[in-house]
Amino acid sequence: MIEESLTKAKKTGIETINMVWEFFTDEIPHVLSNWRFVPRAMMLLYCYAFYQTMNWFMALPAPNNAQAGFVSVVVGAGAAWFGLYVNSGGVKKAPPKKKDTQIG
């Protein structure tokens, strides 16, 4: 009786572990890919850095060329990040090409 309940508990424990493992290896990557969490998080982090940089630059009493160059680099990086974000959609497979067969 006790051995049966222990065996049953081990089986349910292993089944639970297998279900959790399947969730982590199958479901989470699909959710992250479909909702594009990583690119969105990177864009949010860039927006925060851009905002802080602009506030810092506008608070300077007399900005010099080096400081203006730094702001220019941050703004240019934003253009690159936005381009990567827009073009980072899901991978789409092209349909297979038909081979042209020449008759004659």
N, C-alpha and C. Protein backbone atom coordinates (compact mmCIF):
# COMPACT_ATOMS: atom_id res chain seq x y z
N MET A 1 0.82 -1.18 0.00
CA MET A 1 0.00 0.00 0.00
C MET A 1 0.87 1.25 0.00
N ILE A 2 1.81 1.31 0.91
CA ILE A 2 2.69 2.47 0.99
C ILE A 2 3.57 2.54 -0.25
N GLU A 3 4.05 1.39 -0.71
CA GLU A 3 4.90 1.37 -1.90
C GLU A 3 4.13 1.85 -3.13
N GLU A 4 2.86 1.49 -3.22
CA GLU A 4 2.05 1.94 -4.35
C GLU A 4 1.88 3.45 -4.35
N SER A 5 1.63 4.01 -3.17
CA SER A 5 1.44 5.46 -3.09
C SER A 5 2.75 6.19 -3.39
N LEU A 6 3.89 5.63 -2.96
CA LEU A 6 5.18 6.25 -3.27
C LEU A 6 5.46 6.18 -4.77
N THR A 7 5.16 5.05 -5.38
CA THR A 7 5.36 4.90 -6.82
C THR A 7 4.46 5.89 -7.57
N LYS A 8 3.21 6.02 -7.12
CA LYS A 8 2.29 6.96 -7.76
C LYS A 8 2.78 8.39 -7.58
N ALA A 9 3.28 8.73 -6.41
CA ALA A 9 3.80 10.07 -6.15
C ALA A 9 5.02 10.35 -7.02
N LYS A 10 5.90 9.36 -7.19
CA LYS A 10 7.06 9.55 -8.06
C LYS A 10 6.64 9.78 -9.50
N LYS A 11 5.63 9.00 -9.96
CA LYS A 11 5.15 9.16 -11.32
C LYS A 11 4.55 10.56 -11.53
N THR A 12 3.74 11.02 -10.59
CA THR A 12 3.13 12.34 -10.74
C THR A 12 4.20 13.43 -10.65
N GLY A 13 5.21 13.22 -9.81
CA GLY A 13 6.30 14.19 -9.72
C GLY A 13 7.08 14.27 -11.03
N ILE A 14 7.37 13.13 -11.62
CA ILE A 14 8.10 13.10 -12.89
C ILE A 14 7.24 13.71 -13.99
N GLU A 15 5.94 13.42 -13.98
CA GLU A 15 5.06 14.01 -14.98
C GLU A 15 5.01 15.52 -14.84
N THR A 16 5.00 16.00 -13.61
CA THR A 16 4.98 17.44 -13.37
C THR A 16 6.27 18.08 -13.87
N ILE A 17 7.38 17.45 -13.58
CA ILE A 17 8.67 17.97 -14.05
C ILE A 17 8.71 17.98 -15.57
N ASN A 18 8.21 16.94 -16.20
CA ASN A 18 8.17 16.90 -17.66
C ASN A 18 7.28 18.00 -18.24
N MET A 19 6.14 18.26 -17.59
CA MET A 19 5.26 19.33 -18.06
C MET A 19 5.93 20.69 -17.93
N VAL A 20 6.60 20.92 -16.81
CA VAL A 20 7.29 22.20 -16.61
C VAL A 20 8.42 22.34 -17.61
N TRP A 21 9.17 21.27 -17.83
CA TRP A 21 10.28 21.31 -18.80
C TRP A 21 9.75 21.61 -20.20
N GLU A 22 8.65 20.98 -20.58
CA GLU A 22 8.05 21.23 -21.89
C GLU A 22 7.60 22.68 -22.01
N PHE A 23 7.05 23.22 -20.93
CA PHE A 23 6.62 24.62 -20.94
C PHE A 23 7.81 25.55 -21.17
N PHE A 24 8.92 25.31 -20.46
CA PHE A 24 10.08 26.18 -20.59
C PHE A 24 10.77 26.03 -21.94
N THR A 25 10.78 24.84 -22.50
CA THR A 25 11.50 24.64 -23.77
C THR A 25 10.64 24.86 -25.00
N ASP A 26 9.31 24.86 -24.85
CA ASP A 26 8.46 24.99 -26.02
C ASP A 26 7.61 26.25 -25.99
N GLU A 27 6.91 26.51 -24.92
CA GLU A 27 5.95 27.61 -24.88
C GLU A 27 6.61 28.97 -24.72
N ILE A 28 7.55 29.10 -23.81
CA ILE A 28 8.17 30.41 -23.55
C ILE A 28 8.89 30.95 -24.78
N PRO A 29 9.69 30.16 -25.50
CA PRO A 29 10.31 30.71 -26.71
C PRO A 29 9.29 31.18 -27.75
N HIS A 30 8.18 30.47 -27.88
CA HIS A 30 7.16 30.89 -28.84
C HIS A 30 6.53 32.21 -28.41
N VAL A 31 6.25 32.36 -27.14
CA VAL A 31 5.65 33.61 -26.64
C VAL A 31 6.62 34.77 -26.84
N LEU A 32 7.90 34.56 -26.49
CA LEU A 32 8.89 35.63 -26.65
C LEU A 32 9.06 36.01 -28.11
N SER A 33 8.99 35.03 -28.99
CA SER A 33 9.16 35.29 -30.41
C SER A 33 7.92 35.98 -31.00
N ASN A 34 6.75 35.49 -30.66
CA ASN A 34 5.53 36.06 -31.23
C ASN A 34 5.25 37.47 -30.74
N TRP A 35 5.49 37.72 -29.47
CA TRP A 35 5.23 39.04 -28.92
C TRP A 35 6.44 39.97 -29.03
N ARG A 36 7.58 39.44 -29.47
CA ARG A 36 8.81 40.21 -29.70
C ARG A 36 9.19 41.04 -28.47
N PHE A 37 9.28 40.37 -27.32
CA PHE A 37 9.60 41.06 -26.08
C PHE A 37 11.00 41.66 -26.08
N VAL A 38 11.96 40.94 -26.59
CA VAL A 38 13.35 41.42 -26.53
C VAL A 38 13.55 42.68 -27.36
N PRO A 39 13.10 42.73 -28.63
CA PRO A 39 13.27 43.99 -29.36
C PRO A 39 12.51 45.15 -28.73
N ARG A 40 11.34 44.87 -28.19
CA ARG A 40 10.58 45.94 -27.54
C ARG A 40 11.27 46.43 -26.28
N ALA A 41 11.83 45.53 -25.52
CA ALA A 41 12.57 45.93 -24.31
C ALA A 41 13.80 46.75 -24.68
N MET A 42 14.48 46.36 -25.74
CA MET A 42 15.66 47.12 -26.17
C MET A 42 15.26 48.52 -26.63
N MET A 43 14.14 48.64 -27.32
CA MET A 43 13.68 49.97 -27.74
C MET A 43 13.30 50.82 -26.53
N LEU A 44 12.68 50.23 -25.53
CA LEU A 44 12.34 50.98 -24.33
C LEU A 44 13.59 51.45 -23.60
N LEU A 45 14.60 50.58 -23.52
CA LEU A 45 15.85 50.98 -22.89
C LEU A 45 16.54 52.10 -23.66
N TYR A 46 16.49 52.02 -25.00
CA TYR A 46 17.08 53.09 -25.80
C TYR A 46 16.32 54.40 -25.57
N CYS A 47 15.00 54.35 -25.52
CA CYS A 47 14.22 55.56 -25.28
C CYS A 47 14.59 56.20 -23.96
N TYR A 48 14.80 55.39 -22.94
CA TYR A 48 15.22 55.92 -21.64
C TYR A 48 16.59 56.58 -21.74
N ALA A 49 17.53 55.92 -22.41
CA ALA A 49 18.88 56.49 -22.56
C ALA A 49 18.82 57.78 -23.37
N PHE A 50 18.02 57.81 -24.41
CA PHE A 50 17.87 59.01 -25.24
C PHE A 50 17.31 60.15 -24.41
N TYR A 51 16.28 59.89 -23.63
CA TYR A 51 15.66 60.91 -22.79
C TYR A 51 16.66 61.47 -21.78
N GLN A 52 17.40 60.58 -21.13
CA GLN A 52 18.39 61.04 -20.15
C GLN A 52 19.50 61.85 -20.82
N THR A 53 19.91 61.44 -22.02
CA THR A 53 20.97 62.16 -22.73
C THR A 53 20.49 63.55 -23.12
N MET A 54 19.27 63.65 -23.61
CA MET A 54 18.75 64.97 -24.00
C MET A 54 18.60 65.88 -22.79
N ASN A 55 18.12 65.36 -21.67
CA ASN A 55 18.01 66.17 -20.46
C ASN A 55 19.38 66.65 -20.01
N TRP A 56 20.37 65.77 -20.07
CA TRP A 56 21.73 66.14 -19.67
C TRP A 56 22.28 67.23 -20.59
N PHE A 57 22.09 67.06 -21.89
CA PHE A 57 22.64 68.02 -22.85
C PHE A 57 21.97 69.38 -22.73
N MET A 58 20.65 69.40 -22.53
CA MET A 58 19.96 70.68 -22.43
C MET A 58 20.25 71.39 -21.12
N ALA A 59 20.70 70.65 -20.11
CA ALA A 59 21.03 71.28 -18.83
C ALA A 59 22.44 71.86 -18.81
N LEU A 60 23.25 71.57 -19.82
CA LEU A 60 24.62 72.10 -19.84
C LEU A 60 24.58 73.61 -20.10
N PRO A 61 25.40 74.38 -19.36
CA PRO A 61 25.40 75.83 -19.58
C PRO A 61 26.03 76.23 -20.92
N ALA A 62 27.13 75.57 -21.27
CA ALA A 62 27.81 75.88 -22.54
C ALA A 62 28.37 74.58 -23.12
N PRO A 63 27.56 73.86 -23.90
CA PRO A 63 28.04 72.59 -24.44
C PRO A 63 29.16 72.80 -25.46
N ASN A 64 30.13 71.89 -25.45
CA ASN A 64 31.23 71.98 -26.42
C ASN A 64 31.02 70.95 -27.53
N ASN A 65 31.97 70.88 -28.44
CA ASN A 65 31.83 70.00 -29.60
C ASN A 65 31.83 68.52 -29.20
N ALA A 66 32.61 68.16 -28.22
CA ALA A 66 32.66 66.76 -27.79
C ALA A 66 31.31 66.31 -27.23
N GLN A 67 30.68 67.17 -26.44
CA GLN A 67 29.39 66.83 -25.88
C GLN A 67 28.31 66.75 -26.96
N ALA A 68 28.37 67.66 -27.92
CA ALA A 68 27.41 67.62 -29.03
C ALA A 68 27.65 66.37 -29.88
N GLY A 69 28.90 65.97 -30.04
CA GLY A 69 29.21 64.74 -30.77
C GLY A 69 28.66 63.52 -30.08
N PHE A 70 28.75 63.50 -28.76
CA PHE A 70 28.20 62.38 -27.99
C PHE A 70 26.69 62.27 -28.20
N VAL A 71 26.00 63.39 -28.16
CA VAL A 71 24.55 63.38 -28.38
C VAL A 71 24.25 62.92 -29.80
N SER A 72 25.06 63.33 -30.74
CA SER A 72 24.87 62.91 -32.13
C SER A 72 25.01 61.40 -32.27
N VAL A 73 25.96 60.83 -31.57
CA VAL A 73 26.15 59.37 -31.61
C VAL A 73 24.94 58.66 -31.00
N VAL A 74 24.43 59.18 -29.90
CA VAL A 74 23.26 58.56 -29.27
C VAL A 74 22.05 58.62 -30.21
N VAL A 75 21.85 59.76 -30.87
CA VAL A 75 20.73 59.89 -31.80
C VAL A 75 20.92 58.96 -33.00
N GLY A 76 22.15 58.87 -33.52
CA GLY A 76 22.42 57.97 -34.63
C GLY A 76 22.22 56.51 -34.26
N ALA A 77 22.57 56.17 -33.03
CA ALA A 77 22.33 54.80 -32.57
C ALA A 77 20.84 54.51 -32.52
N GLY A 78 20.05 55.53 -32.21
CA GLY A 78 18.59 55.36 -32.19
C GLY A 78 18.05 55.03 -33.57
N ALA A 79 18.60 55.68 -34.59
CA ALA A 79 18.16 55.37 -35.96
C ALA A 79 18.50 53.93 -36.30
N ALA A 80 19.68 53.48 -35.91
CA ALA A 80 20.07 52.09 -36.17
C ALA A 80 19.19 51.12 -35.40
N TRP A 81 18.92 51.40 -34.12
CA TRP A 81 18.06 50.53 -33.32
C TRP A 81 16.67 50.45 -33.91
N PHE A 82 16.14 51.60 -34.36
CA PHE A 82 14.79 51.57 -34.92
C PHE A 82 14.76 50.76 -36.21
N GLY A 83 15.79 50.90 -37.04
CA GLY A 83 15.86 50.10 -38.26
C GLY A 83 15.92 48.62 -37.97
N LEU A 84 16.70 48.24 -36.98
CA LEU A 84 16.78 46.83 -36.60
C LEU A 84 15.45 46.34 -36.03
N TYR A 85 14.79 47.18 -35.25
CA TYR A 85 13.51 46.80 -34.66
C TYR A 85 12.45 46.57 -35.74
N VAL A 86 12.38 47.47 -36.70
CA VAL A 86 11.37 47.36 -37.74
C VAL A 86 11.63 46.15 -38.63
N ASN A 87 12.88 45.86 -38.91
CA ASN A 87 13.22 44.76 -39.81
C ASN A 87 13.42 43.43 -39.11
N SER A 88 13.13 43.35 -37.82
CA SER A 88 13.37 42.10 -37.09
C SER A 88 12.12 41.26 -36.96
N GLY A 89 11.23 41.32 -37.92
CA GLY A 89 10.01 40.51 -37.87
C GLY A 89 10.33 39.04 -37.94
N GLY A 90 9.31 38.24 -37.87
CA GLY A 90 9.49 36.79 -37.91
C GLY A 90 10.10 36.33 -39.22
N VAL A 91 10.71 35.18 -39.16
CA VAL A 91 11.34 34.60 -40.35
C VAL A 91 10.25 34.00 -41.22
N LYS A 92 10.19 34.43 -42.45
CA LYS A 92 9.19 33.91 -43.38
C LYS A 92 9.90 33.10 -44.44
N LYS A 93 9.43 31.89 -44.62
CA LYS A 93 10.04 31.02 -45.62
C LYS A 93 9.37 31.27 -46.96
N ALA A 94 10.19 31.38 -47.99
CA ALA A 94 9.66 31.57 -49.34
C ALA A 94 9.19 30.22 -49.86
N PRO A 95 8.14 30.24 -50.69
CA PRO A 95 7.67 28.96 -51.24
C PRO A 95 8.73 28.40 -52.18
N PRO A 96 8.81 27.09 -52.28
CA PRO A 96 9.83 26.49 -53.15
C PRO A 96 9.60 26.88 -54.61
N LYS A 97 10.69 27.14 -55.29
CA LYS A 97 10.60 27.53 -56.70
C LYS A 97 10.36 26.29 -57.56
N LYS A 98 9.55 26.48 -58.58
CA LYS A 98 9.31 25.38 -59.51
C LYS A 98 10.41 25.37 -60.54
N LYS A 99 10.86 24.19 -60.86
CA LYS A 99 11.90 24.06 -61.87
C LYS A 99 11.25 24.16 -63.25
N ASP A 100 11.84 25.00 -64.08
CA ASP A 100 11.34 25.11 -65.45
C ASP A 100 11.86 23.94 -66.27
N THR A 101 10.96 23.24 -66.86
CA THR A 101 11.37 22.13 -67.71
C THR A 101 11.14 22.53 -69.17
N GLN A 102 12.14 22.37 -69.94
CA GLN A 102 12.06 22.75 -71.32
C GLN A 102 11.69 21.52 -72.15
N ILE A 103 10.68 21.67 -72.95
CA ILE A 103 10.23 20.56 -73.79
C ILE A 103 10.75 20.78 -75.21
N GLY A 104 11.36 19.76 -75.75
CA GLY A 104 11.80 19.82 -77.14
C GLY A 104 13.24 20.00 -77.36
